[in-house]
Amino acid sequence: MKKDTKLGLFLSLFVLIGFPVVFVVISLLTGQWDTFIIGFPASSAAGIMGVWIAIRQIKKERKGD
């Protein structure tokens, strides 16, 4: 696995897991749950898409070796 692919997978997992946690913390501190309701689906979609593309790239790299 190349260094760029590892970085892409790490960042995608961070977006998938880290951003919703940030949105929950912001919502808990402010009491405005609109932030979470709007941010969660967007960050989840971006994270899932990024993980999917990174895994596809890892499989392509393994086939090439």
N, C-alpha and C. Protein backbone atom coordinates (compact mmCIF):
# COMPACT_ATOMS: atom_id res chain seq x y z
N MET A 1 0.85 -1.17 0.00
CA MET A 1 0.00 0.00 0.00
C MET A 1 0.91 1.24 0.00
N LYS A 2 0.61 2.14 -0.91
CA LYS A 2 1.40 3.36 -1.03
C LYS A 2 1.08 4.33 0.10
N LYS A 3 2.01 5.25 0.30
CA LYS A 3 1.85 6.24 1.36
C LYS A 3 0.62 7.12 1.12
N ASP A 4 0.39 7.51 -0.14
CA ASP A 4 -0.76 8.35 -0.47
C ASP A 4 -2.08 7.63 -0.20
N THR A 5 -2.12 6.34 -0.47
CA THR A 5 -3.34 5.57 -0.24
C THR A 5 -3.63 5.45 1.25
N LYS A 6 -2.58 5.25 2.04
CA LYS A 6 -2.76 5.19 3.50
C LYS A 6 -3.29 6.51 4.03
N LEU A 7 -2.73 7.60 3.52
CA LEU A 7 -3.18 8.93 3.95
C LEU A 7 -4.64 9.16 3.57
N GLY A 8 -5.00 8.76 2.36
CA GLY A 8 -6.38 8.92 1.91
C GLY A 8 -7.35 8.11 2.76
N LEU A 9 -6.97 6.90 3.09
CA LEU A 9 -7.82 6.05 3.93
C LEU A 9 -7.94 6.65 5.34
N PHE A 10 -6.83 7.12 5.89
CA PHE A 10 -6.86 7.73 7.21
C PHE A 10 -7.75 8.97 7.25
N LEU A 11 -7.60 9.84 6.26
CA LEU A 11 -8.42 11.06 6.22
C LEU A 11 -9.89 10.74 6.03
N SER A 12 -10.18 9.74 5.22
CA SER A 12 -11.58 9.34 5.01
C SER A 12 -12.19 8.80 6.29
N LEU A 13 -11.44 8.00 7.02
CA LEU A 13 -11.94 7.48 8.30
C LEU A 13 -12.10 8.60 9.31
N PHE A 14 -11.19 9.58 9.27
CA PHE A 14 -11.32 10.72 10.17
C PHE A 14 -12.59 11.51 9.88
N VAL A 15 -12.88 11.71 8.59
CA VAL A 15 -14.11 12.43 8.21
C VAL A 15 -15.33 11.61 8.63
N LEU A 16 -15.27 10.30 8.45
CA LEU A 16 -16.40 9.44 8.77
C LEU A 16 -16.66 9.38 10.28
N ILE A 17 -15.60 9.37 11.08
CA ILE A 17 -15.76 9.21 12.52
C ILE A 17 -15.59 10.54 13.28
N GLY A 18 -14.59 11.31 12.90
CA GLY A 18 -14.24 12.51 13.66
C GLY A 18 -15.22 13.66 13.50
N PHE A 19 -15.67 13.90 12.28
CA PHE A 19 -16.56 15.04 12.06
C PHE A 19 -17.89 14.88 12.80
N PRO A 20 -18.54 13.70 12.76
CA PRO A 20 -19.77 13.59 13.55
C PRO A 20 -19.54 13.83 15.04
N VAL A 21 -18.39 13.41 15.55
CA VAL A 21 -18.10 13.66 16.96
C VAL A 21 -17.98 15.16 17.21
N VAL A 22 -17.33 15.87 16.30
CA VAL A 22 -17.21 17.33 16.43
C VAL A 22 -18.60 17.98 16.40
N PHE A 23 -19.47 17.52 15.49
CA PHE A 23 -20.81 18.07 15.41
C PHE A 23 -21.62 17.79 16.68
N VAL A 24 -21.43 16.63 17.28
CA VAL A 24 -22.14 16.32 18.53
C VAL A 24 -21.64 17.23 19.65
N VAL A 25 -20.34 17.42 19.73
CA VAL A 25 -19.79 18.29 20.77
C VAL A 25 -20.30 19.71 20.61
N ILE A 26 -20.29 20.22 19.38
CA ILE A 26 -20.80 21.57 19.13
C ILE A 26 -22.27 21.66 19.51
N SER A 27 -23.04 20.65 19.15
CA SER A 27 -24.47 20.65 19.46
C SER A 27 -24.72 20.59 20.97
N LEU A 28 -23.92 19.81 21.67
CA LEU A 28 -24.07 19.73 23.13
C LEU A 28 -23.71 21.05 23.80
N LEU A 29 -22.67 21.71 23.32
CA LEU A 29 -22.25 22.96 23.92
C LEU A 29 -23.21 24.11 23.64
N THR A 30 -23.74 24.15 22.42
CA THR A 30 -24.60 25.27 22.05
C THR A 30 -26.08 24.99 22.27
N GLY A 31 -26.45 23.73 22.30
CA GLY A 31 -27.86 23.37 22.45
C GLY A 31 -28.64 23.47 21.15
N GLN A 32 -27.95 23.75 20.06
CA GLN A 32 -28.60 23.84 18.75
C GLN A 32 -28.31 22.56 17.97
N TRP A 33 -29.27 21.69 17.91
CA TRP A 33 -29.08 20.40 17.28
C TRP A 33 -29.20 20.46 15.76
N ASP A 34 -29.52 21.63 15.24
CA ASP A 34 -29.54 21.79 13.79
C ASP A 34 -28.15 21.55 13.20
N THR A 35 -27.13 21.93 13.94
CA THR A 35 -25.75 21.71 13.48
C THR A 35 -25.49 20.24 13.25
N PHE A 36 -25.92 19.41 14.18
CA PHE A 36 -25.70 17.97 14.04
C PHE A 36 -26.57 17.39 12.93
N ILE A 37 -27.82 17.82 12.89
CA ILE A 37 -28.76 17.28 11.90
C ILE A 37 -28.32 17.60 10.48
N ILE A 38 -27.76 18.78 10.28
CA ILE A 38 -27.29 19.16 8.94
C ILE A 38 -25.91 18.58 8.64
N GLY A 39 -25.03 18.56 9.62
CA GLY A 39 -23.65 18.14 9.40
C GLY A 39 -23.44 16.64 9.32
N PHE A 40 -24.22 15.88 10.05
CA PHE A 40 -24.01 14.43 10.09
C PHE A 40 -24.20 13.74 8.74
N PRO A 41 -25.31 13.96 8.04
CA PRO A 41 -25.46 13.28 6.75
C PRO A 41 -24.38 13.67 5.73
N ALA A 42 -24.01 14.93 5.73
CA ALA A 42 -22.99 15.38 4.77
C ALA A 42 -21.63 14.75 5.07
N SER A 43 -21.22 14.75 6.33
CA SER A 43 -19.93 14.17 6.67
C SER A 43 -19.94 12.65 6.51
N SER A 44 -21.07 12.03 6.79
CA SER A 44 -21.18 10.58 6.61
C SER A 44 -21.07 10.20 5.14
N ALA A 45 -21.75 10.94 4.29
CA ALA A 45 -21.69 10.66 2.86
C ALA A 45 -20.27 10.85 2.33
N ALA A 46 -19.61 11.92 2.73
CA ALA A 46 -18.24 12.18 2.28
C ALA A 46 -17.29 11.11 2.82
N GLY A 47 -17.45 10.72 4.07
CA GLY A 47 -16.57 9.71 4.67
C GLY A 47 -16.75 8.35 4.03
N ILE A 48 -17.99 7.95 3.81
CA ILE A 48 -18.24 6.64 3.20
C ILE A 48 -17.70 6.60 1.78
N MET A 49 -17.92 7.68 1.03
CA MET A 49 -17.41 7.73 -0.34
C MET A 49 -15.88 7.68 -0.34
N GLY A 50 -15.24 8.40 0.56
CA GLY A 50 -13.78 8.39 0.62
C GLY A 50 -13.22 7.03 1.00
N VAL A 51 -13.83 6.38 1.97
CA VAL A 51 -13.38 5.04 2.37
C VAL A 51 -13.56 4.06 1.22
N TRP A 52 -14.68 4.15 0.53
CA TRP A 52 -14.96 3.25 -0.58
C TRP A 52 -13.91 3.43 -1.69
N ILE A 53 -13.60 4.67 -2.03
CA ILE A 53 -12.61 4.93 -3.08
C ILE A 53 -11.21 4.47 -2.63
N ALA A 54 -10.86 4.72 -1.37
CA ALA A 54 -9.55 4.31 -0.87
C ALA A 54 -9.41 2.78 -0.88
N ILE A 55 -10.45 2.07 -0.48
CA ILE A 55 -10.39 0.61 -0.49
C ILE A 55 -10.28 0.08 -1.91
N ARG A 56 -11.02 0.69 -2.84
CA ARG A 56 -10.90 0.29 -4.25
C ARG A 56 -9.48 0.50 -4.76
N GLN A 57 -8.87 1.61 -4.38
CA GLN A 57 -7.49 1.89 -4.82
C GLN A 57 -6.52 0.90 -4.21
N ILE A 58 -6.71 0.54 -2.96
CA ILE A 58 -5.84 -0.45 -2.32
C ILE A 58 -5.94 -1.79 -3.04
N LYS A 59 -7.16 -2.19 -3.41
CA LYS A 59 -7.34 -3.45 -4.14
C LYS A 59 -6.65 -3.41 -5.50
N LYS A 60 -6.73 -2.26 -6.18
CA LYS A 60 -6.05 -2.12 -7.48
C LYS A 60 -4.54 -2.23 -7.32
N GLU A 61 -4.00 -1.62 -6.27
CA GLU A 61 -2.56 -1.68 -6.03
C GLU A 61 -2.11 -3.10 -5.71
N ARG A 62 -2.91 -3.84 -4.99
CA ARG A 62 -2.55 -5.22 -4.66
C ARG A 62 -2.59 -6.12 -5.89
N LYS A 63 -3.54 -5.87 -6.79
CA LYS A 63 -3.61 -6.66 -8.02
C LYS A 63 -2.40 -6.40 -8.90
N GLY A 64 -1.93 -5.15 -8.89
CA GLY A 64 -0.80 -4.77 -9.72
C GLY A 64 0.53 -5.34 -9.25
N ASP A 65 0.62 -5.69 -7.96
CA ASP A 65 1.89 -6.21 -7.41
C ASP A 65 2.10 -7.64 -7.74
